N, C-alpha and C. Protein backbone atom coordinates (compact mmCIF):
# COMPACT_ATOMS: atom_id res chain seq x y z
N UNK A 1 67.89 150.03 105.38
CA UNK A 1 68.52 148.90 104.71
C UNK A 1 67.73 148.51 103.44
N UNK A 2 66.40 148.39 103.60
CA UNK A 2 65.59 147.99 102.45
C UNK A 2 65.67 149.03 101.34
N UNK A 3 65.79 150.29 101.72
CA UNK A 3 65.88 151.34 100.72
C UNK A 3 67.13 151.18 99.86
N UNK A 4 68.26 150.87 100.49
CA UNK A 4 69.50 150.66 99.74
C UNK A 4 69.38 149.45 98.82
N UNK A 5 68.78 148.38 99.33
CA UNK A 5 68.59 147.18 98.50
C UNK A 5 67.65 147.48 97.33
N UNK A 6 66.60 148.27 97.58
CA UNK A 6 65.68 148.68 96.53
C UNK A 6 66.45 149.42 95.44
N UNK A 7 67.29 150.35 95.85
CA UNK A 7 68.06 151.13 94.88
C UNK A 7 69.01 150.25 94.08
N UNK A 8 69.63 149.26 94.73
CA UNK A 8 70.54 148.35 94.02
C UNK A 8 69.80 147.53 92.97
N UNK A 9 68.64 146.98 93.33
CA UNK A 9 67.87 146.18 92.39
C UNK A 9 67.33 147.06 91.26
N UNK A 10 66.87 148.24 91.61
CA UNK A 10 66.38 149.18 90.60
C UNK A 10 67.50 149.54 89.61
N UNK A 11 68.70 149.77 90.12
CA UNK A 11 69.85 150.11 89.27
C UNK A 11 70.17 148.96 88.32
N UNK A 12 70.17 147.72 88.84
CA UNK A 12 70.46 146.56 87.99
C UNK A 12 69.38 146.41 86.91
N UNK A 13 68.14 146.59 87.28
CA UNK A 13 67.05 146.49 86.30
C UNK A 13 67.24 147.54 85.20
N UNK A 14 67.57 148.75 85.60
CA UNK A 14 67.78 149.84 84.63
C UNK A 14 68.96 149.53 83.72
N UNK A 15 70.07 149.05 84.32
CA UNK A 15 71.27 148.73 83.52
C UNK A 15 71.00 147.60 82.53
N UNK A 16 70.18 146.63 82.94
CA UNK A 16 69.86 145.48 82.08
C UNK A 16 68.66 145.74 81.18
N UNK A 17 68.12 146.97 81.25
CA UNK A 17 66.96 147.37 80.44
C UNK A 17 65.76 146.47 80.68
N UNK A 18 65.50 146.16 81.96
CA UNK A 18 64.36 145.34 82.35
C UNK A 18 63.32 146.25 82.99
N UNK A 19 62.11 146.22 82.47
CA UNK A 19 61.02 147.03 83.02
C UNK A 19 60.40 146.25 84.18
N UNK A 20 60.66 146.71 85.41
CA UNK A 20 60.21 146.01 86.61
C UNK A 20 59.31 146.94 87.42
N UNK A 21 58.09 146.50 87.71
CA UNK A 21 57.21 147.34 88.53
C UNK A 21 57.81 147.57 89.93
N UNK A 22 57.49 148.72 90.50
CA UNK A 22 58.01 149.06 91.82
C UNK A 22 57.64 148.04 92.89
N UNK A 23 56.44 147.46 92.80
CA UNK A 23 56.05 146.48 93.82
C UNK A 23 56.94 145.23 93.77
N UNK A 24 57.43 144.88 92.58
CA UNK A 24 58.35 143.75 92.46
C UNK A 24 59.72 144.13 93.02
N UNK A 25 60.17 145.33 92.70
CA UNK A 25 61.44 145.81 93.27
C UNK A 25 61.37 145.84 94.79
N UNK A 26 60.26 146.30 95.32
CA UNK A 26 60.08 146.37 96.77
C UNK A 26 60.08 144.96 97.38
N UNK A 27 59.39 144.01 96.72
CA UNK A 27 59.36 142.64 97.20
C UNK A 27 60.77 142.05 97.25
N UNK A 28 61.55 142.28 96.20
CA UNK A 28 62.93 141.80 96.18
C UNK A 28 63.75 142.44 97.30
N UNK A 29 63.61 143.75 97.45
CA UNK A 29 64.38 144.47 98.47
C UNK A 29 64.06 143.99 99.88
N UNK A 30 62.82 143.60 100.11
CA UNK A 30 62.39 143.17 101.44
C UNK A 30 62.54 141.67 101.65
N UNK A 31 63.02 140.96 100.64
CA UNK A 31 63.17 139.50 100.76
C UNK A 31 64.28 139.14 101.73
N UNK A 32 64.35 137.85 102.05
CA UNK A 32 65.39 137.38 102.97
C UNK A 32 66.68 136.98 102.24
N UNK A 33 66.80 137.32 100.97
CA UNK A 33 68.03 137.02 100.24
C UNK A 33 69.16 137.84 100.86
N UNK A 34 70.27 137.17 101.14
CA UNK A 34 71.32 137.76 101.96
C UNK A 34 72.19 138.78 101.25
N UNK A 35 72.42 138.62 99.97
CA UNK A 35 73.40 139.47 99.30
C UNK A 35 72.80 140.17 98.08
N UNK A 36 73.48 141.22 97.66
CA UNK A 36 73.07 141.94 96.46
C UNK A 36 73.21 141.02 95.24
N UNK A 37 74.20 140.14 95.26
CA UNK A 37 74.35 139.20 94.14
C UNK A 37 73.14 138.28 94.03
N UNK A 38 72.62 137.82 95.17
CA UNK A 38 71.42 136.98 95.13
C UNK A 38 70.23 137.77 94.61
N UNK A 39 70.12 139.03 95.01
CA UNK A 39 69.04 139.88 94.50
C UNK A 39 69.16 140.02 92.98
N UNK A 40 70.38 140.22 92.49
CA UNK A 40 70.60 140.32 91.05
C UNK A 40 70.26 139.01 90.35
N UNK A 41 70.62 137.89 90.98
CA UNK A 41 70.29 136.59 90.42
C UNK A 41 68.79 136.38 90.36
N UNK A 42 68.08 136.82 91.40
CA UNK A 42 66.63 136.73 91.40
C UNK A 42 66.05 137.54 90.24
N UNK A 43 66.58 138.73 90.05
CA UNK A 43 66.10 139.57 88.94
C UNK A 43 66.38 138.90 87.59
N UNK A 44 67.55 138.28 87.45
CA UNK A 44 67.87 137.55 86.21
C UNK A 44 66.85 136.44 85.96
N UNK A 45 66.53 135.68 87.00
CA UNK A 45 65.58 134.58 86.85
C UNK A 45 64.17 135.08 86.55
N UNK A 46 63.76 136.14 87.21
CA UNK A 46 62.45 136.74 86.93
C UNK A 46 62.38 137.17 85.47
N UNK A 47 63.41 137.83 85.00
CA UNK A 47 63.45 138.31 83.61
C UNK A 47 63.39 137.14 82.64
N UNK A 48 64.20 136.10 82.89
CA UNK A 48 64.23 134.95 81.98
C UNK A 48 62.88 134.24 81.95
N UNK A 49 62.27 134.02 83.09
CA UNK A 49 60.96 133.36 83.12
C UNK A 49 59.91 134.21 82.41
N UNK A 50 60.00 135.50 82.57
CA UNK A 50 59.06 136.40 81.90
C UNK A 50 59.17 136.29 80.38
N UNK A 51 60.39 136.33 79.90
CA UNK A 51 60.61 136.26 78.45
C UNK A 51 60.19 134.90 77.90
N UNK A 52 60.68 133.83 78.53
CA UNK A 52 60.40 132.49 78.01
C UNK A 52 58.93 132.11 78.17
N UNK A 53 58.29 132.60 79.21
CA UNK A 53 56.89 132.27 79.43
C UNK A 53 55.93 133.22 78.75
N UNK A 54 56.47 134.32 78.20
CA UNK A 54 55.61 135.31 77.57
C UNK A 54 54.65 135.95 78.56
N UNK A 55 55.12 136.09 79.80
CA UNK A 55 54.27 136.65 80.85
C UNK A 55 54.90 137.93 81.39
N UNK A 56 54.07 138.82 81.90
CA UNK A 56 54.63 140.06 82.44
C UNK A 56 55.33 139.82 83.77
N UNK A 57 56.25 140.70 84.08
CA UNK A 57 56.91 140.66 85.39
C UNK A 57 55.92 141.23 86.40
N UNK A 58 55.53 140.40 87.36
CA UNK A 58 54.61 140.85 88.40
C UNK A 58 54.98 140.20 89.73
N UNK A 59 54.22 140.52 90.76
CA UNK A 59 54.51 140.03 92.10
C UNK A 59 54.44 138.51 92.16
N UNK A 60 53.47 137.91 91.48
CA UNK A 60 53.33 136.45 91.48
C UNK A 60 54.57 135.76 90.94
N UNK A 61 55.09 136.27 89.83
CA UNK A 61 56.30 135.70 89.24
C UNK A 61 57.47 135.88 90.18
N UNK A 62 57.59 137.06 90.77
CA UNK A 62 58.68 137.32 91.70
C UNK A 62 58.60 136.41 92.92
N UNK A 63 57.40 136.21 93.43
CA UNK A 63 57.23 135.32 94.59
C UNK A 63 57.64 133.89 94.26
N UNK A 64 57.34 133.46 93.05
CA UNK A 64 57.73 132.11 92.61
C UNK A 64 59.26 131.97 92.58
N UNK A 65 59.94 132.96 92.03
CA UNK A 65 61.40 132.94 91.98
C UNK A 65 61.98 133.00 93.38
N UNK A 66 61.44 133.87 94.22
CA UNK A 66 61.94 133.98 95.59
C UNK A 66 61.74 132.67 96.36
N UNK A 67 60.68 131.97 96.06
CA UNK A 67 60.44 130.67 96.69
C UNK A 67 61.55 129.69 96.31
N UNK A 68 61.96 129.69 95.04
CA UNK A 68 63.05 128.83 94.60
C UNK A 68 64.35 129.19 95.29
N UNK A 69 64.58 130.47 95.49
CA UNK A 69 65.84 130.93 96.07
C UNK A 69 65.86 130.88 97.59
N UNK A 70 64.70 130.73 98.20
CA UNK A 70 64.63 130.71 99.66
C UNK A 70 65.18 129.39 100.19
N UNK A 71 65.95 129.48 101.25
CA UNK A 71 66.54 128.29 101.86
C UNK A 71 65.55 127.56 102.75
N UNK A 72 64.47 128.22 103.12
CA UNK A 72 63.47 127.63 104.02
C UNK A 72 64.10 126.99 105.25
N UNK A 73 65.11 127.65 105.78
CA UNK A 73 65.73 127.17 107.00
C UNK A 73 66.66 125.99 106.83
N UNK A 74 66.80 125.46 105.63
CA UNK A 74 67.65 124.29 105.41
C UNK A 74 68.76 124.65 104.44
N UNK A 75 69.70 125.38 104.90
CA UNK A 75 70.74 125.85 103.99
C UNK A 75 72.08 125.23 104.32
N UNK A 76 72.74 124.70 103.31
CA UNK A 76 74.08 124.19 103.49
C UNK A 76 75.07 125.33 103.25
N UNK A 77 76.31 125.12 103.62
CA UNK A 77 77.33 126.13 103.36
C UNK A 77 77.48 126.28 101.85
N UNK A 78 77.28 127.48 101.37
CA UNK A 78 77.35 127.72 99.93
C UNK A 78 78.71 128.32 99.62
N UNK A 79 79.57 127.49 99.07
CA UNK A 79 80.91 127.89 98.69
C UNK A 79 81.14 127.47 97.24
N UNK A 80 82.11 128.05 96.58
CA UNK A 80 82.38 127.62 95.20
C UNK A 80 82.62 126.10 95.07
N UNK A 81 83.40 125.47 95.97
CA UNK A 81 83.56 124.01 95.83
C UNK A 81 82.24 123.25 95.98
N UNK A 82 81.38 123.72 96.88
CA UNK A 82 80.08 123.07 97.06
C UNK A 82 79.24 123.21 95.79
N UNK A 83 79.21 124.40 95.24
CA UNK A 83 78.44 124.63 94.01
C UNK A 83 79.00 123.78 92.87
N UNK A 84 80.31 123.75 92.74
CA UNK A 84 80.93 122.93 91.68
C UNK A 84 80.55 121.46 91.85
N UNK A 85 80.51 120.98 93.09
CA UNK A 85 80.15 119.58 93.34
C UNK A 85 78.68 119.33 92.99
N UNK A 86 77.80 120.25 93.36
CA UNK A 86 76.37 120.10 93.06
C UNK A 86 76.15 120.12 91.55
N UNK A 87 76.77 121.06 90.86
CA UNK A 87 76.61 121.16 89.40
C UNK A 87 77.21 119.93 88.72
N UNK A 88 78.38 119.51 89.17
CA UNK A 88 79.00 118.31 88.61
C UNK A 88 78.11 117.09 88.76
N UNK A 89 77.55 116.91 89.96
CA UNK A 89 76.67 115.77 90.21
C UNK A 89 75.42 115.85 89.33
N UNK A 90 74.84 117.02 89.23
CA UNK A 90 73.63 117.21 88.44
C UNK A 90 73.85 116.84 86.97
N UNK A 91 75.00 117.22 86.43
CA UNK A 91 75.30 116.94 85.03
C UNK A 91 76.15 115.69 84.84
N UNK A 92 76.27 114.88 85.89
CA UNK A 92 77.00 113.62 85.84
C UNK A 92 78.44 113.80 85.35
N UNK A 93 79.10 114.78 85.93
CA UNK A 93 80.52 114.99 85.66
C UNK A 93 81.22 115.24 86.98
N UNK A 94 82.50 115.47 86.93
CA UNK A 94 83.25 115.67 88.17
C UNK A 94 83.75 117.10 88.27
N UNK A 95 84.10 117.49 89.48
CA UNK A 95 84.68 118.80 89.71
C UNK A 95 86.01 118.90 88.96
N UNK A 96 86.74 117.80 88.90
CA UNK A 96 88.02 117.80 88.19
C UNK A 96 87.83 118.15 86.72
N UNK A 97 86.77 117.63 86.11
CA UNK A 97 86.49 117.95 84.70
C UNK A 97 86.13 119.43 84.56
N UNK A 98 85.38 119.97 85.52
CA UNK A 98 85.02 121.39 85.46
C UNK A 98 86.26 122.27 85.57
N UNK A 99 87.27 121.81 86.28
CA UNK A 99 88.50 122.58 86.45
C UNK A 99 89.54 122.28 85.37
N UNK A 100 89.27 121.29 84.56
CA UNK A 100 90.25 120.85 83.57
C UNK A 100 90.29 121.79 82.36
N UNK A 101 91.30 121.60 81.52
CA UNK A 101 91.38 122.43 80.31
C UNK A 101 90.42 121.99 79.19
N UNK A 102 89.61 120.97 79.43
CA UNK A 102 88.66 120.48 78.42
C UNK A 102 87.74 121.61 78.00
N UNK A 103 87.59 121.81 76.69
CA UNK A 103 86.78 122.92 76.18
C UNK A 103 85.67 122.48 75.25
N UNK A 104 85.22 121.22 75.38
CA UNK A 104 84.09 120.81 74.55
C UNK A 104 82.89 121.67 74.90
N UNK A 105 81.96 121.79 73.98
CA UNK A 105 80.79 122.65 74.19
C UNK A 105 80.04 122.27 75.46
N UNK A 106 79.78 120.97 75.66
CA UNK A 106 79.03 120.54 76.83
C UNK A 106 79.77 120.84 78.13
N UNK A 107 81.06 120.54 78.17
CA UNK A 107 81.85 120.79 79.38
C UNK A 107 81.93 122.29 79.65
N UNK A 108 82.15 123.06 78.62
CA UNK A 108 82.24 124.52 78.81
C UNK A 108 80.92 125.08 79.35
N UNK A 109 79.80 124.59 78.84
CA UNK A 109 78.50 125.08 79.31
C UNK A 109 78.29 124.73 80.78
N UNK A 110 78.60 123.52 81.16
CA UNK A 110 78.44 123.10 82.56
C UNK A 110 79.35 123.95 83.46
N UNK A 111 80.55 124.20 83.01
CA UNK A 111 81.48 125.05 83.77
C UNK A 111 80.92 126.47 83.90
N UNK A 112 80.38 127.00 82.81
CA UNK A 112 79.80 128.35 82.83
C UNK A 112 78.61 128.42 83.78
N UNK A 113 77.81 127.38 83.82
CA UNK A 113 76.67 127.33 84.74
C UNK A 113 77.19 127.35 86.18
N UNK A 114 78.19 126.56 86.46
CA UNK A 114 78.76 126.52 87.81
C UNK A 114 79.32 127.89 88.19
N UNK A 115 80.02 128.51 87.29
CA UNK A 115 80.58 129.84 87.56
C UNK A 115 79.47 130.86 87.79
N UNK A 116 78.44 130.83 86.95
CA UNK A 116 77.31 131.76 87.12
C UNK A 116 76.68 131.59 88.50
N UNK A 117 76.45 130.34 88.90
CA UNK A 117 75.85 130.10 90.21
C UNK A 117 76.77 130.54 91.34
N UNK A 118 78.07 130.40 91.15
CA UNK A 118 79.02 130.90 92.15
C UNK A 118 78.94 132.43 92.25
N UNK A 119 78.78 133.08 91.12
CA UNK A 119 78.64 134.54 91.13
C UNK A 119 77.39 134.97 91.90
N UNK A 120 76.33 134.19 91.78
CA UNK A 120 75.08 134.53 92.44
C UNK A 120 75.12 134.21 93.93
N UNK A 121 75.60 133.03 94.27
CA UNK A 121 75.48 132.54 95.64
C UNK A 121 76.66 132.83 96.56
N UNK A 122 77.77 133.31 96.03
CA UNK A 122 78.91 133.57 96.90
C UNK A 122 79.39 135.01 96.72
N UNK A 123 80.19 135.44 97.65
CA UNK A 123 80.80 136.77 97.55
C UNK A 123 82.23 136.68 97.03
N UNK A 124 82.59 135.53 96.49
CA UNK A 124 83.95 135.34 95.98
C UNK A 124 84.23 136.32 94.85
N UNK A 125 85.44 136.83 94.82
CA UNK A 125 85.83 137.77 93.76
C UNK A 125 85.96 137.04 92.43
N UNK A 126 86.01 137.81 91.36
CA UNK A 126 86.21 137.23 90.03
C UNK A 126 87.52 136.46 89.97
N UNK A 127 88.55 137.02 90.58
CA UNK A 127 89.87 136.36 90.59
C UNK A 127 89.79 135.05 91.36
N UNK A 128 89.15 135.07 92.53
CA UNK A 128 89.02 133.84 93.33
C UNK A 128 88.24 132.77 92.58
N UNK A 129 87.16 133.17 91.92
CA UNK A 129 86.38 132.19 91.15
C UNK A 129 87.19 131.67 89.97
N UNK A 130 87.95 132.55 89.35
CA UNK A 130 88.81 132.09 88.26
C UNK A 130 89.79 131.04 88.76
N UNK A 131 90.38 131.26 89.90
CA UNK A 131 91.31 130.29 90.47
C UNK A 131 90.60 128.99 90.83
N UNK A 132 89.38 129.09 91.32
CA UNK A 132 88.61 127.90 91.68
C UNK A 132 88.40 126.98 90.48
N UNK A 133 88.24 127.58 89.30
CA UNK A 133 87.99 126.81 88.08
C UNK A 133 89.20 126.79 87.15
N UNK A 134 90.36 127.17 87.67
CA UNK A 134 91.60 127.22 86.88
C UNK A 134 91.41 128.04 85.60
N UNK A 135 90.80 129.20 85.76
CA UNK A 135 90.55 130.10 84.64
C UNK A 135 90.93 131.52 85.03
N UNK A 136 91.01 132.38 84.04
CA UNK A 136 91.27 133.80 84.25
C UNK A 136 89.97 134.48 84.70
N UNK A 137 90.08 135.61 85.39
CA UNK A 137 88.88 136.31 85.85
C UNK A 137 88.00 136.78 84.68
N UNK A 138 88.59 137.00 83.52
CA UNK A 138 87.79 137.43 82.38
C UNK A 138 86.87 136.30 81.90
N UNK A 139 87.29 135.06 82.08
CA UNK A 139 86.45 133.91 81.74
C UNK A 139 85.24 133.88 82.69
N UNK A 140 85.46 134.23 83.94
CA UNK A 140 84.38 134.29 84.92
C UNK A 140 83.36 135.36 84.51
N UNK A 141 83.85 136.52 84.11
CA UNK A 141 82.96 137.59 83.65
C UNK A 141 82.15 137.14 82.45
N UNK A 142 82.81 136.51 81.48
CA UNK A 142 82.15 136.03 80.27
C UNK A 142 81.08 134.99 80.62
N UNK A 143 81.42 134.05 81.49
CA UNK A 143 80.47 132.99 81.87
C UNK A 143 79.21 133.59 82.48
N UNK A 144 79.38 134.57 83.36
CA UNK A 144 78.22 135.21 83.99
C UNK A 144 77.31 135.87 82.97
N UNK A 145 77.92 136.62 82.06
CA UNK A 145 77.14 137.29 81.01
C UNK A 145 76.45 136.28 80.10
N UNK A 146 77.19 135.26 79.70
CA UNK A 146 76.65 134.29 78.76
C UNK A 146 75.43 133.57 79.34
N UNK A 147 75.53 133.11 80.56
CA UNK A 147 74.42 132.38 81.16
C UNK A 147 73.22 133.30 81.37
N UNK A 148 73.44 134.54 81.79
CA UNK A 148 72.33 135.49 81.95
C UNK A 148 71.57 135.66 80.63
N UNK A 149 72.30 135.79 79.55
CA UNK A 149 71.67 135.97 78.23
C UNK A 149 70.99 134.68 77.78
N UNK A 150 71.66 133.56 77.91
CA UNK A 150 71.12 132.28 77.43
C UNK A 150 69.90 131.84 78.22
N UNK A 151 69.82 132.21 79.50
CA UNK A 151 68.63 131.85 80.29
C UNK A 151 67.37 132.44 79.68
N UNK A 152 67.50 133.57 79.03
CA UNK A 152 66.35 134.23 78.41
C UNK A 152 66.00 133.61 77.06
N UNK A 153 66.86 132.74 76.56
CA UNK A 153 66.64 132.13 75.25
C UNK A 153 66.29 130.65 75.33
N UNK A 154 66.64 130.01 76.42
CA UNK A 154 66.53 128.56 76.49
C UNK A 154 65.74 128.12 77.73
N UNK A 155 64.57 127.53 77.48
CA UNK A 155 63.78 126.98 78.58
C UNK A 155 64.55 125.87 79.30
N UNK A 156 65.27 125.08 78.52
CA UNK A 156 66.03 123.97 79.10
C UNK A 156 67.08 124.50 80.08
N UNK A 157 67.84 125.50 79.67
CA UNK A 157 68.86 126.07 80.55
C UNK A 157 68.21 126.70 81.78
N UNK A 158 67.13 127.43 81.60
CA UNK A 158 66.44 128.03 82.74
C UNK A 158 65.97 126.94 83.70
N UNK A 159 65.48 125.85 83.18
CA UNK A 159 65.06 124.72 84.03
C UNK A 159 66.22 124.15 84.82
N UNK A 160 67.37 124.01 84.17
CA UNK A 160 68.56 123.52 84.87
C UNK A 160 68.95 124.48 86.00
N UNK A 161 68.94 125.78 85.70
CA UNK A 161 69.30 126.78 86.70
C UNK A 161 68.33 126.72 87.88
N UNK A 162 67.05 126.59 87.59
CA UNK A 162 66.04 126.49 88.67
C UNK A 162 66.30 125.28 89.55
N UNK A 163 66.51 124.13 88.93
CA UNK A 163 66.72 122.91 89.71
C UNK A 163 68.02 122.98 90.51
N UNK A 164 69.06 123.51 89.91
CA UNK A 164 70.33 123.65 90.63
C UNK A 164 70.22 124.64 91.77
N UNK A 165 69.47 125.71 91.57
CA UNK A 165 69.26 126.70 92.62
C UNK A 165 68.62 126.05 93.84
N UNK A 166 67.59 125.26 93.61
CA UNK A 166 66.92 124.58 94.72
C UNK A 166 67.90 123.62 95.41
N UNK A 167 68.65 122.87 94.63
CA UNK A 167 69.61 121.93 95.23
C UNK A 167 70.67 122.66 96.06
N UNK A 168 71.15 123.76 95.55
CA UNK A 168 72.18 124.52 96.27
C UNK A 168 71.60 125.09 97.56
N UNK A 169 70.42 125.66 97.46
CA UNK A 169 69.83 126.31 98.65
C UNK A 169 69.39 125.31 99.72
N UNK A 170 68.99 124.12 99.31
CA UNK A 170 68.48 123.16 100.29
C UNK A 170 69.50 122.08 100.66
N UNK A 171 70.57 121.99 99.89
CA UNK A 171 71.56 120.97 100.17
C UNK A 171 71.16 119.59 99.69
N UNK A 172 70.12 119.51 98.86
CA UNK A 172 69.70 118.21 98.33
C UNK A 172 70.41 117.95 97.02
N UNK A 173 71.21 116.93 97.02
CA UNK A 173 72.01 116.61 95.82
C UNK A 173 71.43 115.40 95.15
């Protein structure tokens, strides 16, 4: 099982052109993260912290990210509506606004963050997530890509993602 997970994380790192030491790949593969999407999300966060912090990707950095993603035995049901509610509360908006046709920059960014986190924490299909946010599946794909790229450019966005990740995993709103 760990070998398959190792290969999946290694493939994602190669596709995203991220140089990841084997010991970090092994640590991710052996982690208690339940899904390949969570493993990919962990790799995204490791990469973003590395770039923004100007630090190399190593076991210490990976352990820090895994600590943020670990539920520590206190995990709430992670569903798209739950994530939308947590993100809405964090940014002082409502789920209705996230699902609305409003396209202001701030609302769109919060919606994209919610969609990205849904991609990481749930096994929902692109179509299902699109329906959850009253959007097309291509919007879901775009949101995932955009947040992955922006996390590597913005300390503020990475901080929001870290805090939301902890809230989602622990159920603390």
